[in-house]
N, C-alpha and C. Protein backbone atom coordinates (compact mmCIF):
# COMPACT_ATOMS: atom_id res chain seq x y z
N MET A 1 84.55 113.39 94.89
CA MET A 1 83.63 112.33 94.91
C MET A 1 82.89 112.24 96.17
N THR A 2 81.72 112.43 96.40
CA THR A 2 81.01 112.19 97.66
C THR A 2 80.76 110.79 97.99
N LYS A 3 80.53 110.51 99.29
CA LYS A 3 80.46 108.99 99.65
C LYS A 3 79.12 108.47 98.97
N ASN A 4 78.23 109.20 98.70
CA ASN A 4 77.17 108.68 97.80
C ASN A 4 77.48 108.17 96.72
N GLU A 5 78.47 108.83 95.87
CA GLU A 5 78.75 108.58 94.63
C GLU A 5 79.53 107.15 94.59
N TYR A 6 80.17 106.83 95.75
CA TYR A 6 80.75 105.40 95.74
C TYR A 6 79.83 104.13 95.98
N ARG A 7 79.17 104.02 94.83
CA ARG A 7 78.24 103.12 94.85
C ARG A 7 77.62 102.74 93.31
N SER A 8 77.05 101.35 93.25
CA SER A 8 76.76 101.01 91.93
C SER A 8 75.23 100.63 92.06
N PRO A 9 74.23 101.30 91.65
CA PRO A 9 72.87 100.86 92.13
C PRO A 9 72.63 99.57 91.10
N GLN A 10 73.30 99.50 90.06
CA GLN A 10 72.90 98.44 89.32
C GLN A 10 73.50 97.24 89.79
N LEU A 11 74.69 97.27 90.41
CA LEU A 11 75.07 95.92 91.03
C LEU A 11 74.24 95.82 92.53
N GLU A 12 73.96 96.66 93.10
CA GLU A 12 72.85 96.56 94.45
C GLU A 12 71.59 95.70 93.92
N ASP A 13 70.97 96.33 92.76
CA ASP A 13 69.81 95.64 92.29
C ASP A 13 70.16 94.12 92.05
N ALA A 14 71.12 93.93 91.00
CA ALA A 14 71.51 92.57 90.75
C ALA A 14 71.83 91.64 92.00
N LEU A 15 72.48 92.16 92.85
CA LEU A 15 72.57 91.30 94.28
C LEU A 15 71.29 91.09 95.05
N ALA A 16 70.50 92.21 95.15
CA ALA A 16 69.25 91.91 95.76
C ALA A 16 68.46 90.72 95.03
N ALA A 17 68.53 90.73 93.79
CA ALA A 17 67.70 89.69 92.89
C ALA A 17 68.40 88.22 92.84
N GLN A 18 69.72 88.39 93.29
CA GLN A 18 70.37 87.15 93.42
C GLN A 18 70.68 86.67 92.14
N ASP A 19 70.80 87.54 90.90
CA ASP A 19 70.84 87.29 89.68
C ASP A 19 72.57 87.31 89.09
N VAL A 20 72.82 86.13 88.86
CA VAL A 20 74.21 86.08 88.68
C VAL A 20 74.50 86.69 87.31
N ALA A 21 73.60 86.42 86.17
CA ALA A 21 73.80 87.28 85.00
C ALA A 21 73.94 88.61 85.03
N ALA A 22 72.88 89.25 86.07
CA ALA A 22 72.77 90.66 86.28
C ALA A 22 73.93 91.11 86.92
N VAL A 23 74.49 90.58 87.77
CA VAL A 23 75.71 90.91 88.64
C VAL A 23 76.85 90.96 87.31
N ALA A 24 77.17 89.91 86.63
CA ALA A 24 78.18 89.92 85.48
C ALA A 24 77.92 91.28 84.64
N PHE A 25 76.71 91.59 84.36
CA PHE A 25 76.36 92.61 83.55
C PHE A 25 76.81 93.80 84.09
N ALA A 26 76.45 93.88 85.72
CA ALA A 26 76.80 95.08 86.36
C ALA A 26 78.16 95.44 86.37
N LEU A 27 79.04 94.36 86.54
CA LEU A 27 80.52 94.51 86.84
C LEU A 27 81.41 94.72 85.34
N ARG A 28 80.32 94.30 84.31
CA ARG A 28 81.00 94.85 83.00
C ARG A 28 80.77 96.24 82.57
N HIS A 29 79.59 96.50 83.06
CA HIS A 29 79.21 97.96 82.66
C HIS A 29 78.96 99.15 83.64
N ASP A 30 79.25 98.95 84.83
CA ASP A 30 79.24 99.70 85.67
C ASP A 30 80.49 99.82 86.71
N VAL A 31 80.47 100.16 87.90
CA VAL A 31 81.53 100.20 88.76
C VAL A 31 81.41 99.30 89.72
N VAL A 32 82.52 98.77 90.51
CA VAL A 32 82.36 98.11 91.98
C VAL A 32 83.16 98.91 92.94
N VAL A 33 82.84 98.68 94.00
CA VAL A 33 83.56 99.32 95.12
C VAL A 33 84.48 98.45 95.60
N VAL A 34 85.67 98.82 95.90
CA VAL A 34 86.97 97.95 96.13
C VAL A 34 87.51 98.44 97.48
N PRO A 35 87.71 97.72 98.40
CA PRO A 35 88.44 98.26 99.48
C PRO A 35 90.03 98.54 99.31
N LYS A 36 90.30 99.58 99.83
CA LYS A 36 91.62 100.32 99.51
C LYS A 36 92.61 99.91 100.77
N LEU A 37 93.82 99.31 100.67
CA LEU A 37 94.68 99.14 101.33
C LEU A 37 95.28 100.48 101.93
N VAL A 38 95.15 100.64 103.24
CA VAL A 38 95.56 101.98 103.91
C VAL A 38 96.89 101.86 104.58
N SER A 39 97.81 102.51 103.99
CA SER A 39 99.21 102.57 104.47
C SER A 39 99.67 103.74 104.78
N ASP A 40 100.77 103.94 105.56
CA ASP A 40 101.45 105.18 105.92
C ASP A 40 102.67 105.28 105.12
N ASP A 41 102.84 104.59 104.09
CA ASP A 41 103.96 104.74 103.01
C ASP A 41 103.26 105.49 101.94
N PRO A 42 103.71 106.65 101.69
CA PRO A 42 103.14 107.36 100.61
C PRO A 42 103.45 107.11 99.07
N THR A 43 104.59 106.33 99.16
CA THR A 43 105.13 105.75 97.77
C THR A 43 104.40 104.43 97.45
N GLN A 44 103.51 103.83 98.17
CA GLN A 44 102.90 102.65 97.99
C GLN A 44 101.85 102.63 96.85
N GLY A 45 101.10 103.97 96.72
CA GLY A 45 100.11 103.98 95.88
C GLY A 45 98.80 103.06 96.08
N ASP A 46 98.01 103.54 95.43
CA ASP A 46 96.55 102.51 95.75
C ASP A 46 96.56 100.96 95.39
N GLN A 47 96.36 100.49 96.47
CA GLN A 47 96.31 98.85 96.29
C GLN A 47 94.88 98.46 96.98
N VAL A 48 94.66 97.21 96.15
CA VAL A 48 93.27 96.58 96.78
C VAL A 48 93.64 95.92 98.21
N ARG A 49 92.63 95.86 99.17
CA ARG A 49 92.71 95.27 100.09
C ARG A 49 92.28 93.83 100.01
N VAL A 50 93.12 92.90 100.21
CA VAL A 50 92.39 91.61 100.35
C VAL A 50 92.47 91.01 101.75
N PHE A 51 91.81 89.99 101.93
CA PHE A 51 91.49 89.47 103.14
C PHE A 51 92.06 87.82 103.16
N GLY A 52 92.68 87.36 104.31
CA GLY A 52 93.07 86.07 104.16
C GLY A 52 92.86 85.26 105.59
N ARG A 53 92.99 84.00 105.29
CA ARG A 53 92.49 83.29 106.74
C ARG A 53 94.02 82.88 107.22
N GLU A 54 93.84 82.50 108.57
CA GLU A 54 95.15 82.35 109.06
C GLU A 54 95.93 80.78 108.46
N ASN A 55 97.16 81.02 108.63
CA ASN A 55 97.96 79.75 108.17
C ASN A 55 97.66 79.28 106.71
N THR A 56 97.41 80.32 105.82
CA THR A 56 97.57 80.08 104.44
C THR A 56 97.75 81.28 103.63
N ASP A 57 98.15 81.01 102.38
CA ASP A 57 98.58 81.96 101.53
C ASP A 57 97.63 82.57 100.56
N GLN A 58 96.34 81.79 100.66
CA GLN A 58 95.17 82.03 99.92
C GLN A 58 94.46 83.45 100.40
N ARG A 59 93.76 84.12 99.60
CA ARG A 59 93.21 85.29 99.91
C ARG A 59 91.95 85.44 99.16
N ILE A 60 91.10 86.08 100.15
CA ILE A 60 89.65 86.37 99.65
C ILE A 60 89.55 87.88 99.00
N LEU A 61 88.95 88.18 98.01
CA LEU A 61 88.80 89.51 97.36
C LEU A 61 87.33 89.79 97.73
N LEU A 62 87.18 90.95 98.26
CA LEU A 62 85.73 91.28 98.82
C LEU A 62 85.43 92.40 98.01
N LEU A 63 84.37 92.63 97.40
CA LEU A 63 83.71 93.65 96.55
C LEU A 63 82.43 93.98 96.92
N PHE A 64 82.07 95.25 96.82
CA PHE A 64 81.19 96.00 97.48
C PHE A 64 80.19 96.59 96.38
N SER A 65 78.87 96.70 96.63
CA SER A 65 78.04 97.56 95.85
C SER A 65 78.14 99.14 96.06
N SER A 66 78.47 99.37 97.31
CA SER A 66 78.71 100.66 98.03
C SER A 66 79.56 100.94 98.90
N ALA A 67 79.95 101.93 99.16
CA ALA A 67 80.84 102.22 100.42
C ALA A 67 80.09 102.01 101.81
N ASP A 68 78.91 102.10 101.81
CA ASP A 68 77.92 101.85 103.02
C ASP A 68 78.02 100.20 103.31
N ALA A 69 78.08 99.56 102.03
CA ALA A 69 78.19 98.09 102.12
C ALA A 69 79.53 97.59 102.95
N TYR A 70 80.59 98.19 102.72
CA TYR A 70 81.85 97.92 102.98
C TYR A 70 81.85 98.48 104.56
N ALA A 71 81.30 99.59 104.69
CA ALA A 71 81.22 100.09 106.11
C ALA A 71 80.75 99.17 107.16
N ALA A 72 79.59 98.57 106.53
CA ALA A 72 78.85 97.53 107.41
C ALA A 72 79.66 96.39 107.79
N MET A 73 80.60 96.05 106.93
CA MET A 73 81.41 94.89 107.25
C MET A 73 82.72 95.26 108.12
N VAL A 74 83.16 96.48 108.31
CA VAL A 74 84.09 97.03 109.18
C VAL A 74 83.79 98.21 109.85
N PRO A 75 82.79 98.31 110.65
CA PRO A 75 82.02 99.14 111.17
C PRO A 75 83.12 100.31 112.20
N ASP A 76 83.89 99.37 112.78
CA ASP A 76 84.91 100.06 113.95
C ASP A 76 86.18 100.57 113.39
N ASP A 77 86.51 100.21 111.96
CA ASP A 77 87.83 100.60 111.33
C ASP A 77 87.74 101.98 111.00
N PRO A 78 88.48 102.65 111.84
CA PRO A 78 88.50 104.27 111.40
C PRO A 78 89.28 104.61 110.34
N ARG A 79 90.00 103.61 109.56
CA ARG A 79 90.80 104.08 108.32
C ARG A 79 90.30 103.33 107.19
N ARG A 80 88.90 103.04 107.07
CA ARG A 80 88.42 102.37 106.06
C ARG A 80 88.31 103.29 104.73
N GLU A 81 88.92 102.85 103.63
CA GLU A 81 88.89 103.70 102.39
C GLU A 81 88.48 102.61 101.28
N VAL A 82 87.77 103.34 100.26
CA VAL A 82 87.47 102.41 98.98
C VAL A 82 87.93 103.28 97.88
N MET A 83 87.86 102.25 96.83
CA MET A 83 88.14 103.00 95.40
C MET A 83 87.01 102.28 94.63
N LEU A 84 86.99 102.99 93.43
CA LEU A 84 86.04 102.24 92.35
C LEU A 84 86.90 101.78 91.27
N TYR A 85 86.30 100.82 90.90
CA TYR A 85 87.08 100.01 89.87
C TYR A 85 86.00 99.76 88.83
N GLU A 86 86.39 99.96 87.44
CA GLU A 86 85.56 99.61 86.16
C GLU A 86 85.82 97.98 85.88
N ALA A 87 85.67 97.46 84.90
CA ALA A 87 85.43 96.31 84.46
C ALA A 87 87.07 95.93 84.31
N SER A 88 87.73 96.78 83.40
CA SER A 88 89.01 96.44 83.04
C SER A 88 89.99 96.55 84.39
N SER A 89 89.97 97.36 85.07
CA SER A 89 90.81 97.29 86.28
C SER A 89 90.64 96.03 87.20
N LEU A 90 89.32 95.69 87.24
CA LEU A 90 89.08 94.43 88.20
C LEU A 90 89.38 93.25 87.40
N ARG A 91 89.30 93.15 86.08
CA ARG A 91 89.86 92.02 85.34
C ARG A 91 91.29 92.00 85.29
N THR A 92 92.05 93.09 85.38
CA THR A 92 93.60 93.26 85.35
C THR A 92 94.08 92.59 86.90
N PHE A 93 93.36 93.18 88.02
CA PHE A 93 93.77 92.62 89.27
C PHE A 93 93.37 90.96 89.05
N LEU A 94 92.12 90.78 88.88
CA LEU A 94 92.13 89.28 88.81
C LEU A 94 93.10 88.20 88.14
N GLU A 95 93.66 89.02 86.86
CA GLU A 95 94.65 88.25 86.17
C GLU A 95 96.01 88.04 86.94
N VAL A 96 96.14 89.14 87.45
CA VAL A 96 97.67 89.18 88.14
C VAL A 96 97.50 88.46 89.42
N HIS A 97 96.48 88.39 90.03
CA HIS A 97 96.52 87.59 91.34
C HIS A 97 95.65 86.35 91.44
N LEU A 98 95.23 85.67 90.40
CA LEU A 98 94.39 84.65 90.26
C LEU A 98 95.00 83.57 90.97
N ASP A 99 96.32 83.56 91.21
CA ASP A 99 96.98 82.16 91.75
C ASP A 99 96.87 82.12 93.31
N VAL A 100 96.57 83.47 93.89
CA VAL A 100 96.30 83.56 95.36
C VAL A 100 94.88 83.87 95.91
N LEU A 101 94.09 84.08 94.79
CA LEU A 101 92.66 84.33 95.38
C LEU A 101 91.82 82.98 95.33
N GLU A 102 91.27 82.62 96.60
CA GLU A 102 90.42 81.61 96.68
C GLU A 102 88.98 81.72 96.40
N GLN A 103 88.53 82.97 96.82
CA GLN A 103 87.19 83.45 96.56
C GLN A 103 86.95 84.63 96.70
N VAL A 104 85.72 85.11 95.76
CA VAL A 104 85.17 86.38 95.91
C VAL A 104 83.87 86.44 96.47
N PHE A 105 83.68 87.60 97.36
CA PHE A 105 82.45 87.67 97.86
C PHE A 105 82.10 89.32 97.54
N PHE A 106 80.72 89.21 97.27
CA PHE A 106 79.97 90.62 97.14
C PHE A 106 79.22 90.78 98.33
N ASP A 107 79.23 92.07 98.89
CA ASP A 107 78.40 92.51 100.18
C ASP A 107 78.38 91.50 101.12
N ILE A 108 79.49 91.18 101.58
CA ILE A 108 79.71 90.17 102.61
C ILE A 108 78.88 90.20 103.91
N ALA A 109 78.66 91.53 104.21
CA ALA A 109 77.95 91.87 105.59
C ALA A 109 76.65 91.82 105.08
N GLY A 110 75.98 91.56 104.12
CA GLY A 110 74.53 91.08 103.61
C GLY A 110 74.12 92.53 103.28
N PRO A 111 72.68 92.55 103.04
CA PRO A 111 71.80 91.41 103.29
C PRO A 111 71.64 90.54 101.96
N HIS A 112 72.36 90.81 100.91
CA HIS A 112 72.24 90.03 99.80
C HIS A 112 73.62 89.41 99.19
N THR A 113 74.36 88.92 100.25
CA THR A 113 75.62 88.50 99.57
C THR A 113 75.62 87.35 98.81
N MET A 114 76.65 87.38 97.81
CA MET A 114 76.84 86.42 96.80
C MET A 114 78.35 86.07 96.72
N ALA A 115 78.67 84.85 96.29
CA ALA A 115 80.18 84.40 96.13
C ALA A 115 80.27 83.94 94.58
N ALA A 116 81.39 83.92 94.32
CA ALA A 116 82.00 83.52 92.95
C ALA A 116 83.47 83.01 92.98
N ALA A 117 83.85 82.04 92.31
CA ALA A 117 84.99 81.81 92.14
C ALA A 117 85.73 82.68 91.40
N PRO A 118 87.11 83.01 91.64
CA PRO A 118 87.73 84.02 90.77
C PRO A 118 87.84 83.55 89.17
N GLU A 119 87.91 82.34 88.96
CA GLU A 119 88.14 82.02 87.63
C GLU A 119 86.73 82.29 86.82
N ASP A 120 85.84 82.07 87.49
CA ASP A 120 84.38 82.41 86.98
C ASP A 120 84.23 83.78 86.71
N LEU A 121 84.60 84.67 87.91
CA LEU A 121 84.50 86.02 87.63
C LEU A 121 85.29 86.53 86.39
N LEU A 122 86.34 86.15 86.43
CA LEU A 122 87.47 86.47 85.45
C LEU A 122 86.67 86.13 84.06
N LYS A 123 86.32 84.98 83.89
CA LYS A 123 85.42 84.74 82.58
C LYS A 123 84.28 85.79 82.40
N ALA A 124 83.55 85.97 83.35
CA ALA A 124 82.43 87.00 83.07
C ALA A 124 82.98 88.36 82.81
N LEU A 125 84.09 88.68 83.11
CA LEU A 125 84.55 90.00 82.83
C LEU A 125 85.25 90.04 81.43
N ARG A 126 85.50 88.93 80.68
CA ARG A 126 86.15 88.74 79.28
C ARG A 126 85.15 88.88 78.30
């Protein structure tokens, strides 16, 4: 898969319009770019990279409309990798980690950032 295939034009358009319903539709019917945790342990498998604030157990899930949008957030990270998630994979991740996720952000580096409560995103995916 080429770098340009790591994108969701449908999600890009929904974020540009700041349309919550269109974002939910895109997540249910297209893909979303998810940061991949890069590890030197080959037995670890593919895991979602989440972000956290100091002195808290809560985590923030960052989702992107494209690999380029993720690169804009971590331009100096030489080991940035992404995965594509469909609705079922994203729903499963949220269900398993709902107790530690405090917020979900889309394209946090802009220009069309949106945020959602993990519970609301999970409802939209069901």
